[in-house]
Amino acid sequence: MDQLLDYFTNHPLLAGAAVVMAALVAAYEIRRRGEGSAAVAPNEAIRMMNAGAVLLDLRSANHFKDGHIAGARNLPGDQLASDARAIEKFAGKKLILYCDSGTTTAAALRTLARAGIRDAASLRGGLAAWKQENLPVVKG
């Protein structure tokens, strides 16, 4: 312990930088956990779907028709943000959100969290990751 105090005394800039970095890492982790969202891999999404989770495709209707995961419901991201009734019907259900690459689901997860729906996750990598795992996609 005395050596640590000597180090802080002899190297105040390095010690201060270490303290600042530790605080930033802690703040980042707290913020990330506070969002209440998680990203799940395609195989975990399948397990969740088998347990009753609802799969929401946030892409446009045209992209949805071109190919989507079987059993998914289409709810474009802009509609999710503007239509409170669309959100209310999913209250109390476990949700898995996905888009093309997984990048636009973060905003949708924040919208759901503001509406009080915290039991939601995003498909890590989106539909691209699903296809990369050679999992089935349906058209129409």
C-alpha atoms as a PDB file:
ATOM      1  CA  MET A   1       0.000   0.000   0.000  1.00  0.00           C
ATOM      2  CA  ASP A   2       2.880   2.352   0.761  1.00  0.00           C
ATOM      3  CA  GLN A   3       4.291   1.730  -2.716  1.00  0.00           C
ATOM      4  CA  LEU A   4       0.986   2.710  -4.276  1.00  0.00           C
ATOM      5  CA  LEU A   5       0.965   5.971  -2.346  1.00  0.00           C
ATOM      6  CA  ASP A   6       4.571   6.609  -3.389  1.00  0.00           C
ATOM      7  CA  TYR A   7       3.624   5.979  -7.021  1.00  0.00           C
ATOM      8  CA  PHE A   8       0.717   8.424  -6.837  1.00  0.00           C
ATOM      9  CA  THR A   9       2.980  11.006  -5.212  1.00  0.00           C
ATOM     10  CA  ASN A  10       5.824  10.598  -7.715  1.00  0.00           C
ATOM     11  CA  HIS A  11       3.662  10.272 -10.860  1.00  0.00           C
ATOM     12  CA  PRO A  12       0.546  12.434 -10.400  1.00  0.00           C
ATOM     13  CA  LEU A  13      -0.257  12.731 -14.129  1.00  0.00           C
ATOM     14  CA  LEU A  14      -0.110   8.980 -14.763  1.00  0.00           C
ATOM     15  CA  ALA A  15      -2.073   8.232 -11.619  1.00  0.00           C
ATOM     16  CA  GLY A  16      -4.693  10.837 -12.526  1.00  0.00           C
ATOM     17  CA  ALA A  17      -4.981   9.437 -16.046  1.00  0.00           C
ATOM     18  CA  ALA A  18      -5.483   5.923 -14.650  1.00  0.00           C
ATOM     19  CA  VAL A  19      -8.239   7.168 -12.338  1.00  0.00           C
ATOM     20  CA  VAL A  20      -9.973   9.033 -15.180  1.00  0.00           C
ATOM     21  CA  MET A  21      -9.808   5.993 -17.464  1.00  0.00           C
ATOM     22  CA  ALA A  22     -11.219   3.736 -14.748  1.00  0.00           C
ATOM     23  CA  ALA A  23     -14.092   6.184 -14.196  1.00  0.00           C
ATOM     24  CA  LEU A  24     -14.839   6.322 -17.942  1.00  0.00           C
ATOM     25  CA  VAL A  25     -14.905   2.537 -18.230  1.00  0.00           C
ATOM     26  CA  ALA A  26     -17.191   2.267 -15.198  1.00  0.00           C
ATOM     27  CA  ALA A  27     -19.545   4.938 -16.591  1.00  0.00           C
ATOM     28  CA  TYR A  28     -19.684   3.209 -19.973  1.00  0.00           C
ATOM     29  CA  GLU A  29     -20.521  -0.152 -18.415  1.00  0.00           C
ATOM     30  CA  ILE A  30     -23.199   1.345 -16.177  1.00  0.00           C
ATOM     31  CA  ARG A  31     -24.769   3.166 -19.116  1.00  0.00           C
ATOM     32  CA  ARG A  32     -24.713   0.043 -21.263  1.00  0.00           C
ATOM     33  CA  ARG A  33     -26.381  -2.065 -18.594  1.00  0.00           C
ATOM     34  CA  GLY A  34     -28.920   0.678 -17.953  1.00  0.00           C
ATOM     35  CA  GLU A  35     -30.154   0.500 -21.525  1.00  0.00           C
ATOM     36  CA  GLY A  36     -31.608  -2.903 -20.714  1.00  0.00           C
ATOM     37  CA  SER A  37     -30.958  -4.223 -24.163  1.00  0.00           C
ATOM     38  CA  ALA A  38     -28.992  -7.198 -25.249  1.00  0.00           C
ATOM     39  CA  ALA A  39     -27.833  -8.507 -28.556  1.00  0.00           C
ATOM     40  CA  VAL A  40     -28.426 -12.189 -29.165  1.00  0.00           C
ATOM     41  CA  ALA A  41     -26.780 -14.460 -31.693  1.00  0.00           C
ATOM     42  CA  PRO A  42     -28.961 -16.232 -34.258  1.00  0.00           C
ATOM     43  CA  ASN A  43     -28.847 -19.580 -32.414  1.00  0.00           C
ATOM     44  CA  GLU A  44     -29.937 -17.882 -29.160  1.00  0.00           C
ATOM     45  CA  ALA A  45     -32.720 -16.116 -31.073  1.00  0.00           C
ATOM     46  CA  ILE A  46     -34.005 -19.502 -32.231  1.00  0.00           C
ATOM     47  CA  ARG A  47     -34.129 -20.733 -28.635  1.00  0.00           C
ATOM     48  CA  MET A  48     -35.979 -17.587 -27.585  1.00  0.00           C
ATOM     49  CA  MET A  49     -38.454 -17.944 -30.469  1.00  0.00           C
ATOM     50  CA  ASN A  50     -39.134 -21.547 -29.444  1.00  0.00           C
ATOM     51  CA  ALA A  51     -39.872 -20.239 -25.942  1.00  0.00           C
ATOM     52  CA  GLY A  52     -42.439 -17.778 -27.310  1.00  0.00           C
ATOM     53  CA  ALA A  53     -40.472 -14.644 -28.170  1.00  0.00           C
ATOM     54  CA  VAL A  54     -41.927 -12.403 -30.887  1.00  0.00           C
ATOM     55  CA  LEU A  55     -39.653 -11.571 -33.812  1.00  0.00           C
ATOM     56  CA  LEU A  56     -40.026  -8.041 -35.243  1.00  0.00           C
ATOM     57  CA  ASP A  57     -38.576  -7.108 -38.617  1.00  0.00           C
ATOM     58  CA  LEU A  58     -37.879  -3.356 -38.596  1.00  0.00           C
ATOM     59  CA  ARG A  59     -37.231  -3.108 -42.336  1.00  0.00           C
ATOM     60  CA  SER A  60     -39.604  -1.650 -44.897  1.00  0.00           C
ATOM     61  CA  ALA A  61     -42.489  -3.723 -46.274  1.00  0.00           C
ATOM     62  CA  ASN A  62     -40.685  -4.173 -49.606  1.00  0.00           C
ATOM     63  CA  HIS A  63     -37.563  -5.546 -47.929  1.00  0.00           C
ATOM     64  CA  PHE A  64     -39.768  -7.771 -45.784  1.00  0.00           C
ATOM     65  CA  LYS A  65     -41.399  -9.254 -48.924  1.00  0.00           C
ATOM     66  CA  ASP A  66     -37.970  -9.873 -50.467  1.00  0.00           C
ATOM     67  CA  GLY A  67     -37.060 -12.162 -47.595  1.00  0.00           C
ATOM     68  CA  HIS A  68     -37.539 -12.420 -43.848  1.00  0.00           C
ATOM     69  CA  ILE A  69     -37.203 -14.857 -40.983  1.00  0.00           C
ATOM     70  CA  ALA A  70     -40.147 -17.258 -40.754  1.00  0.00           C
ATOM     71  CA  GLY A  71     -42.661 -16.132 -38.151  1.00  0.00           C
ATOM     72  CA  ALA A  72     -41.416 -12.540 -38.076  1.00  0.00           C
ATOM     73  CA  ARG A  73     -43.842  -9.646 -37.990  1.00  0.00           C
ATOM     74  CA  ASN A  74     -43.082  -6.586 -40.067  1.00  0.00           C
ATOM     75  CA  LEU A  75     -43.094  -3.312 -38.148  1.00  0.00           C
ATOM     76  CA  PRO A  76     -40.957  -0.681 -39.887  1.00  0.00           C
ATOM     77  CA  GLY A  77     -38.741   1.278 -37.525  1.00  0.00           C
ATOM     78  CA  ASP A  78     -40.326   4.643 -38.350  1.00  0.00           C
ATOM     79  CA  GLN A  79     -43.784   3.235 -37.605  1.00  0.00           C
ATOM     80  CA  LEU A  80     -42.561   1.842 -34.302  1.00  0.00           C
ATOM     81  CA  ALA A  81     -41.368   5.297 -33.250  1.00  0.00           C
ATOM     82  CA  SER A  82     -44.572   7.083 -34.236  1.00  0.00           C
ATOM     83  CA  ASP A  83     -47.367   4.601 -33.441  1.00  0.00           C
ATOM     84  CA  ALA A  84     -47.948   4.056 -29.719  1.00  0.00           C
ATOM     85  CA  ARG A  85     -50.607   1.410 -30.409  1.00  0.00           C
ATOM     86  CA  ALA A  86     -48.046  -0.674 -32.277  1.00  0.00           C
ATOM     87  CA  ILE A  87     -45.883  -0.705 -29.173  1.00  0.00           C
ATOM     88  CA  GLU A  88     -48.701  -1.407 -26.712  1.00  0.00           C
ATOM     89  CA  LYS A  89     -49.661  -4.730 -28.293  1.00  0.00           C
ATOM     90  CA  PHE A  90     -46.199  -6.112 -27.496  1.00  0.00           C
ATOM     91  CA  ALA A  91     -46.245  -5.222 -23.798  1.00  0.00           C
ATOM     92  CA  GLY A  92     -45.424  -8.211 -21.618  1.00  0.00           C
ATOM     93  CA  LYS A  93     -43.847 -10.198 -24.456  1.00  0.00           C
ATOM     94  CA  LYS A  94     -40.206 -11.007 -25.077  1.00  0.00           C
ATOM     95  CA  LEU A  95     -39.174  -9.281 -28.318  1.00  0.00           C
ATOM     96  CA  ILE A  96     -36.341  -9.861 -30.748  1.00  0.00           C
ATOM     97  CA  LEU A  97     -35.781  -6.987 -33.182  1.00  0.00           C
ATOM     98  CA  TYR A  98     -33.796  -7.164 -36.381  1.00  0.00           C
ATOM     99  CA  CYS A  99     -32.988  -5.169 -39.499  1.00  0.00           C
ATOM    100  CA  ASP A 100     -30.568  -5.794 -42.368  1.00  0.00           C
ATOM    101  CA  SER A 101     -27.310  -5.550 -40.435  1.00  0.00           C
ATOM    102  CA  GLY A 102     -28.313  -4.915 -36.835  1.00  0.00           C
ATOM    103  CA  THR A 103     -27.388  -1.245 -36.782  1.00  0.00           C
ATOM    104  CA  THR A 104     -30.832   0.374 -36.653  1.00  0.00           C
ATOM    105  CA  THR A 105     -32.276  -1.730 -33.857  1.00  0.00           C
ATOM    106  CA  ALA A 106     -30.578   0.363 -31.143  1.00  0.00           C
ATOM    107  CA  ALA A 107     -32.923   3.303 -31.764  1.00  0.00           C
ATOM    108  CA  ALA A 108     -35.931   0.972 -31.711  1.00  0.00           C
ATOM    109  CA  LEU A 109     -34.770  -0.557 -28.433  1.00  0.00           C
ATOM    110  CA  ARG A 110     -34.510   2.935 -26.919  1.00  0.00           C
ATOM    111  CA  THR A 111     -38.033   3.733 -28.156  1.00  0.00           C
ATOM    112  CA  LEU A 112     -39.354   0.557 -26.563  1.00  0.00           C
ATOM    113  CA  ALA A 113     -37.531   1.300 -23.310  1.00  0.00           C
ATOM    114  CA  ARG A 114     -39.116   4.764 -23.171  1.00  0.00           C
ATOM    115  CA  ALA A 115     -42.504   3.087 -23.651  1.00  0.00           C
ATOM    116  CA  GLY A 116     -41.779   0.800 -20.702  1.00  0.00           C
ATOM    117  CA  ILE A 117     -40.945  -2.345 -22.671  1.00  0.00           C
ATOM    118  CA  ARG A 118     -37.639  -3.606 -21.365  1.00  0.00           C
ATOM    119  CA  ASP A 119     -37.818  -7.269 -22.355  1.00  0.00           C
ATOM    120  CA  ALA A 120     -36.396  -6.765 -25.836  1.00  0.00           C
ATOM    121  CA  ALA A 121     -33.206  -7.781 -27.589  1.00  0.00           C
ATOM    122  CA  SER A 122     -31.666  -7.254 -30.981  1.00  0.00           C
ATOM    123  CA  LEU A 123     -30.485  -9.939 -33.364  1.00  0.00           C
ATOM    124  CA  ARG A 124     -26.710  -9.479 -33.436  1.00  0.00           C
ATOM    125  CA  GLY A 125     -25.723  -8.831 -37.040  1.00  0.00           C
ATOM    126  CA  GLY A 126     -29.333  -8.635 -38.213  1.00  0.00           C
ATOM    127  CA  LEU A 127     -30.656 -10.595 -41.167  1.00  0.00           C
ATOM    128  CA  ALA A 128     -27.152 -10.709 -42.662  1.00  0.00           C
ATOM    129  CA  ALA A 129     -25.896 -12.751 -39.696  1.00  0.00           C
ATOM    130  CA  TRP A 130     -28.967 -14.984 -39.920  1.00  0.00           C
ATOM    131  CA  LYS A 131     -28.220 -15.713 -43.590  1.00  0.00           C
ATOM    132  CA  GLN A 132     -24.527 -16.188 -42.871  1.00  0.00           C
ATOM    133  CA  GLU A 133     -25.459 -18.994 -40.475  1.00  0.00           C
ATOM    134  CA  ASN A 134     -27.415 -20.598 -43.378  1.00  0.00           C
ATOM    135  CA  LEU A 135     -30.689 -20.294 -41.493  1.00  0.00           C
ATOM    136  CA  PRO A 136     -33.948 -20.250 -43.478  1.00  0.00           C
ATOM    137  CA  VAL A 137     -35.456 -17.091 -44.949  1.00  0.00           C
ATOM    138  CA  VAL A 138     -38.947 -16.986 -46.435  1.00  0.00           C
ATOM    139  CA  LYS A 139     -40.204 -14.693 -49.187  1.00  0.00           C
ATOM    140  CA  GLY A 140     -43.574 -13.116 -49.635  1.00  0.00           C
END
